Amino acid sequence: MDSSIAENVRGRILVLTGAGISVASGIAPFRGDGGLYEGLNPYDLATPQAFAKHPVTVWNWYLMRIHQGLQAKPNRAHHALAELATLVEELEIVTSNVDELHEIAGSKKVYHLHGKILETRCIGCGDVRPLDTERLPEKIDAATILRCHCGAMLRPNVVWFGEYPWDQAMNAAELGLRYADAILEVGSSGIVSYGFAEHAVTRGKFVLRINPEPEPHPGISLWSERAEVALPRLVEWLRASHSPKI
């Protein structure tokens, strides 16, 4: 890593994370190989229309992902971000991931653009509650589909295609773009993009894109490495430089 890049990681930091940061934890993006479920593409499952027509199928697809995710543990990238927060003035994470590995690793200010997979939301009264993972079945049918205390069906509390990201996370991203001294974009595929990094460049911010195959963009510094390798190295460099918390 070029030390001049690390020297720009100071003050207030906004970190934008995507699916790539959780791959080393065993959570594969639903895009790509093996994405089909019962012959259906995830793009056809993760929609309000699909849930209205086939709620059992949609729930069982999510249950499969939830059971896989419950076995996952934060990797070195998640832990490195939690440590990075102790080396800079302020650090906020805005993530498109629905897992909570950032929080488990110890990060405090985490905002989820696409909701959380371990929460449910009632399609009737809108009540949001943690998913009871202790009594979670392997599969459900029409008789055992999850229901709210009001009687209406529960859905995963995630943002589906055609829905808008959580306002709280969007507001956090906008404030971060305004006040942050540096922006780190980690593990984003670019398939779903809100243009945060590109917008930060127009505001004169330092932007570092960390990805095995980062998409070039004028004004964005690139680090072609996996998150679980790059972020610990960045933290190591900052600690070695005896950078005080300012």
Protein backbone atom coordinates (compact mmCIF):
# COMPACT_ATOMS: atom_id res chain seq x y z
CA MET A 1 0.00 0.00 0.00
CA ASP A 2 1.19 3.50 -0.81
CA SER A 3 1.70 5.27 2.53
CA SER A 4 0.42 8.48 0.95
CA ILE A 5 -3.00 6.82 0.70
CA ALA A 6 -3.06 5.93 4.40
CA GLU A 7 -1.99 9.45 5.30
CA ASN A 8 -5.31 10.70 3.96
CA VAL A 9 -7.29 8.48 6.33
CA ARG A 10 -7.61 10.99 9.15
CA GLY A 11 -10.25 12.92 11.04
CA ARG A 12 -13.84 12.03 10.21
CA ILE A 13 -14.24 8.88 8.12
CA LEU A 14 -17.29 7.62 6.24
CA VAL A 15 -17.08 3.95 5.31
CA LEU A 16 -19.37 2.54 2.61
CA THR A 17 -19.50 -1.26 2.64
CA GLY A 18 -21.01 -3.79 0.27
CA ALA A 19 -21.36 -7.54 -0.02
CA GLY A 20 -17.66 -8.08 -0.65
CA ILE A 21 -16.73 -7.35 2.95
CA SER A 22 -18.80 -10.29 4.22
CA VAL A 23 -17.67 -12.91 1.68
CA ALA A 24 -14.77 -14.01 3.90
CA SER A 25 -17.33 -14.65 6.65
CA GLY A 26 -19.12 -17.15 4.45
CA ILE A 27 -21.94 -14.89 3.32
CA ALA A 28 -21.98 -15.04 -0.45
CA PRO A 29 -23.75 -12.33 -2.45
CA PHE A 30 -27.05 -13.61 -3.79
CA ARG A 31 -25.96 -12.46 -7.24
CA GLY A 32 -23.72 -14.80 -9.18
CA ASP A 33 -23.26 -18.55 -9.32
CA GLY A 34 -25.74 -20.65 -7.42
CA GLY A 35 -28.19 -17.81 -7.00
CA LEU A 36 -31.26 -19.67 -8.23
CA TYR A 37 -33.76 -20.95 -5.68
CA GLU A 38 -36.36 -23.48 -6.86
CA GLY A 39 -35.70 -22.27 -10.41
CA LEU A 40 -36.31 -18.63 -9.53
CA ASN A 41 -33.79 -15.82 -9.83
CA PRO A 42 -33.19 -13.72 -6.69
CA TYR A 43 -34.18 -10.67 -8.72
CA ASP A 44 -37.60 -12.29 -9.04
CA LEU A 45 -37.80 -13.19 -5.35
CA ALA A 46 -36.68 -10.01 -3.62
CA THR A 47 -39.68 -7.91 -4.64
CA PRO A 48 -42.98 -6.89 -3.01
CA GLN A 49 -44.80 -8.47 -5.95
CA ALA A 50 -43.13 -11.84 -5.39
CA PHE A 51 -44.00 -11.80 -1.71
CA ALA A 52 -47.62 -10.94 -2.47
CA LYS A 53 -47.89 -13.89 -4.88
CA HIS A 54 -45.55 -16.45 -3.31
CA PRO A 55 -44.91 -15.52 0.35
CA VAL A 56 -43.97 -19.07 1.34
CA THR A 57 -41.36 -19.39 -1.41
CA VAL A 58 -39.90 -15.98 -0.62
CA TRP A 59 -39.74 -16.74 3.10
CA ASN A 60 -38.09 -20.10 2.56
CA TRP A 61 -35.45 -18.49 0.37
CA TYR A 62 -34.75 -15.98 3.14
CA LEU A 63 -34.76 -18.71 5.77
CA MET A 64 -32.04 -20.47 3.79
CA ARG A 65 -29.97 -17.28 3.78
CA ILE A 66 -30.72 -16.60 7.46
CA HIS A 67 -29.58 -20.06 8.56
CA GLN A 68 -26.38 -19.62 6.55
CA GLY A 69 -25.85 -16.17 8.04
CA LEU A 70 -26.33 -17.35 11.62
CA GLN A 71 -23.18 -19.43 11.24
CA ALA A 72 -21.17 -16.44 10.04
CA LYS A 73 -18.67 -14.58 12.21
CA PRO A 74 -17.07 -11.18 11.61
CA ASN A 75 -13.86 -11.45 9.62
CA ARG A 76 -10.66 -9.41 9.83
CA ALA A 77 -12.17 -6.61 7.77
CA HIS A 78 -15.06 -6.08 10.20
CA HIS A 79 -12.71 -6.12 13.18
CA ALA A 80 -10.30 -3.75 11.45
CA LEU A 81 -13.06 -1.16 10.93
CA ALA A 82 -13.99 -1.38 14.62
CA GLU A 83 -10.35 -0.75 15.50
CA LEU A 84 -10.03 2.02 12.92
CA ALA A 85 -12.75 3.90 14.80
CA THR A 86 -10.36 4.17 17.77
CA LEU A 87 -7.63 5.72 15.62
CA VAL A 88 -9.58 8.54 14.00
CA GLU A 89 -11.78 11.37 15.20
CA GLU A 90 -15.03 9.78 14.10
CA LEU A 91 -16.09 6.83 11.95
CA GLU A 92 -19.50 5.97 10.55
CA ILE A 93 -20.43 2.96 8.44
CA VAL A 94 -23.19 2.99 5.86
CA THR A 95 -23.69 -0.52 4.56
CA SER A 96 -25.83 -2.13 1.89
CA ASN A 97 -25.47 -5.44 3.72
CA VAL A 98 -28.38 -6.87 5.70
CA ASP A 99 -26.15 -8.85 8.08
CA GLU A 100 -25.06 -7.36 11.41
CA LEU A 101 -21.41 -8.42 11.34
CA HIS A 102 -20.22 -4.83 11.73
CA GLU A 103 -22.10 -4.51 15.01
CA ILE A 104 -20.96 -7.93 16.24
CA ALA A 105 -17.35 -6.89 15.54
CA GLY A 106 -17.82 -3.82 17.74
CA SER A 107 -18.59 -0.97 15.35
CA LYS A 108 -20.97 1.52 16.98
CA LYS A 109 -22.26 3.84 14.26
CA VAL A 110 -23.67 1.53 11.59
CA TYR A 111 -26.52 2.43 9.25
CA HIS A 112 -28.18 -0.18 7.04
CA LEU A 113 -29.36 1.01 3.64
CA HIS A 114 -31.22 -2.22 2.95
CA GLY A 115 -32.49 -3.11 6.41
CA LYS A 116 -31.63 -6.13 8.54
CA ILE A 117 -32.31 -9.75 7.70
CA LEU A 118 -32.69 -10.68 11.38
CA GLU A 119 -35.70 -8.40 11.78
CA THR A 120 -39.31 -8.79 10.66
CA ARG A 121 -41.83 -6.17 9.60
CA CYS A 122 -45.59 -6.61 9.61
CA ILE A 123 -47.28 -5.93 6.27
CA GLY A 124 -50.36 -4.86 8.21
CA CYS A 125 -49.47 -2.65 11.20
CA GLY A 126 -45.82 -2.09 10.24
CA ASP A 127 -44.46 -3.35 13.56
CA VAL A 128 -40.72 -4.13 13.43
CA ARG A 129 -39.27 -6.74 15.76
CA PRO A 130 -36.16 -8.92 16.04
CA LEU A 131 -36.51 -12.32 14.42
CA ASP A 132 -36.85 -15.12 16.98
CA THR A 133 -33.91 -17.18 15.77
CA GLU A 134 -34.24 -19.67 18.64
CA ARG A 135 -37.54 -20.95 17.25
CA LEU A 136 -36.77 -20.46 13.58
CA PRO A 137 -37.86 -23.44 11.44
CA GLU A 138 -35.82 -24.84 8.57
CA LYS A 139 -38.80 -24.37 6.25
CA ILE A 140 -42.32 -23.02 6.50
CA ASP A 141 -45.59 -23.64 4.71
CA ALA A 142 -48.84 -21.72 4.37
CA ALA A 143 -49.97 -22.83 7.82
CA THR A 144 -46.75 -21.87 9.61
CA ILE A 145 -45.81 -18.67 7.82
CA LEU A 146 -44.67 -16.02 10.28
CA ARG A 147 -47.43 -13.74 11.49
CA CYS A 148 -47.67 -10.59 13.57
CA HIS A 149 -49.67 -10.24 16.79
CA CYS A 150 -52.22 -8.34 14.69
CA GLY A 151 -52.70 -11.41 12.48
CA ALA A 152 -51.08 -10.06 9.32
CA MET A 153 -48.07 -11.74 7.69
CA LEU A 154 -44.56 -10.78 8.63
CA ARG A 155 -41.93 -10.10 5.98
CA PRO A 156 -38.16 -9.81 6.28
CA ASN A 157 -37.31 -6.23 7.26
CA VAL A 158 -35.16 -5.67 4.20
CA VAL A 159 -35.38 -3.38 1.20
CA TRP A 160 -36.57 -5.17 -1.92
CA PHE A 161 -36.13 -4.18 -5.55
CA GLY A 162 -38.53 -1.36 -6.27
CA GLU A 163 -38.38 -0.06 -2.68
CA TYR A 164 -36.38 2.86 -1.36
CA PRO A 165 -33.42 2.49 1.03
CA TRP A 166 -33.90 3.37 4.69
CA ASP A 167 -34.10 7.16 5.21
CA GLN A 168 -31.88 7.01 8.30
CA ALA A 169 -29.06 5.41 6.36
CA MET A 170 -29.47 7.75 3.40
CA ASN A 171 -29.35 10.74 5.75
CA ALA A 172 -26.23 9.35 7.42
CA ALA A 173 -24.58 8.93 4.02
CA GLU A 174 -25.46 12.48 2.97
CA LEU A 175 -24.13 13.94 6.22
CA GLY A 176 -21.02 11.82 5.88
CA LEU A 177 -20.40 13.10 2.36
CA ARG A 178 -20.74 16.63 3.69
CA TYR A 179 -18.58 16.45 6.79
CA ALA A 180 -16.19 13.51 6.35
CA ASP A 181 -12.53 14.10 5.63
CA ALA A 182 -12.19 10.76 3.84
CA ILE A 183 -14.48 8.12 2.36
CA LEU A 184 -13.62 4.43 2.19
CA GLU A 185 -15.68 2.30 -0.20
CA VAL A 186 -15.17 -1.36 0.64
CA GLY A 187 -16.46 -4.49 -1.10
CA SER A 188 -18.99 -2.84 -3.38
CA SER A 189 -19.69 -4.62 -6.64
CA GLY A 190 -21.05 -1.54 -8.38
CA ILE A 191 -24.14 -3.47 -9.53
CA VAL A 192 -26.27 -1.53 -7.05
CA SER A 193 -24.78 1.91 -6.57
CA TYR A 194 -26.08 5.16 -5.17
CA GLY A 195 -23.09 7.10 -6.46
CA PHE A 196 -21.86 8.07 -2.99
CA ALA A 197 -18.17 7.71 -3.82
CA GLU A 198 -18.49 9.55 -7.12
CA HIS A 199 -20.48 12.32 -5.45
CA ALA A 200 -17.80 12.65 -2.76
CA VAL A 201 -15.20 13.30 -5.45
CA THR A 202 -17.22 16.26 -6.74
CA ARG A 203 -17.07 17.67 -3.21
CA GLY A 204 -13.31 17.44 -3.15
CA LYS A 205 -13.15 14.54 -0.70
CA PHE A 206 -10.46 11.88 -0.56
CA VAL A 207 -12.03 8.59 -1.67
CA LEU A 208 -10.38 5.18 -1.44
CA ARG A 209 -12.04 2.25 -3.23
CA ILE A 210 -10.99 -1.16 -1.83
CA ASN A 211 -11.96 -4.12 -3.98
CA PRO A 212 -10.12 -6.99 -5.70
CA GLU A 213 -11.14 -5.46 -9.03
CA PRO A 214 -12.06 -1.85 -8.27
CA GLU A 215 -13.89 0.13 -10.91
CA PRO A 216 -11.71 3.10 -11.94
CA HIS A 217 -13.15 6.59 -11.64
CA PRO A 218 -11.41 9.97 -11.92
CA GLY A 219 -10.43 11.25 -8.50
CA ILE A 220 -10.88 7.92 -6.68
CA SER A 221 -7.81 6.14 -5.30
CA LEU A 222 -7.84 2.38 -5.90
CA TRP A 223 -6.60 -0.45 -3.70
CA SER A 224 -6.87 -3.77 -5.53
CA GLU A 225 -7.13 -6.14 -2.59
CA ARG A 226 -9.69 -8.07 -0.60
CA ALA A 227 -11.19 -6.20 2.34
CA GLU A 228 -9.98 -8.71 4.93
CA VAL A 229 -6.41 -8.13 3.72
CA ALA A 230 -6.44 -4.41 2.99
CA LEU A 231 -8.22 -3.05 6.06
CA PRO A 232 -5.98 -4.76 8.65
CA ARG A 233 -2.96 -3.43 6.75
CA LEU A 234 -4.42 0.07 6.81
CA VAL A 235 -4.98 -0.16 10.58
CA GLU A 236 -1.49 -1.54 11.08
CA TRP A 237 0.01 1.37 9.17
CA LEU A 238 -1.96 3.93 11.16
CA ARG A 239 -1.00 2.35 14.47
CA ALA A 240 2.66 2.20 13.43
CA SER A 241 2.59 5.86 12.51
CA HIS A 242 1.57 6.65 16.11
CA SER A 243 -1.35 8.64 14.86
CA PRO A 244 -3.10 10.14 17.89
CA LYS A 245 -6.87 10.25 18.09
CA ILE A 246 -7.68 13.85 17.15
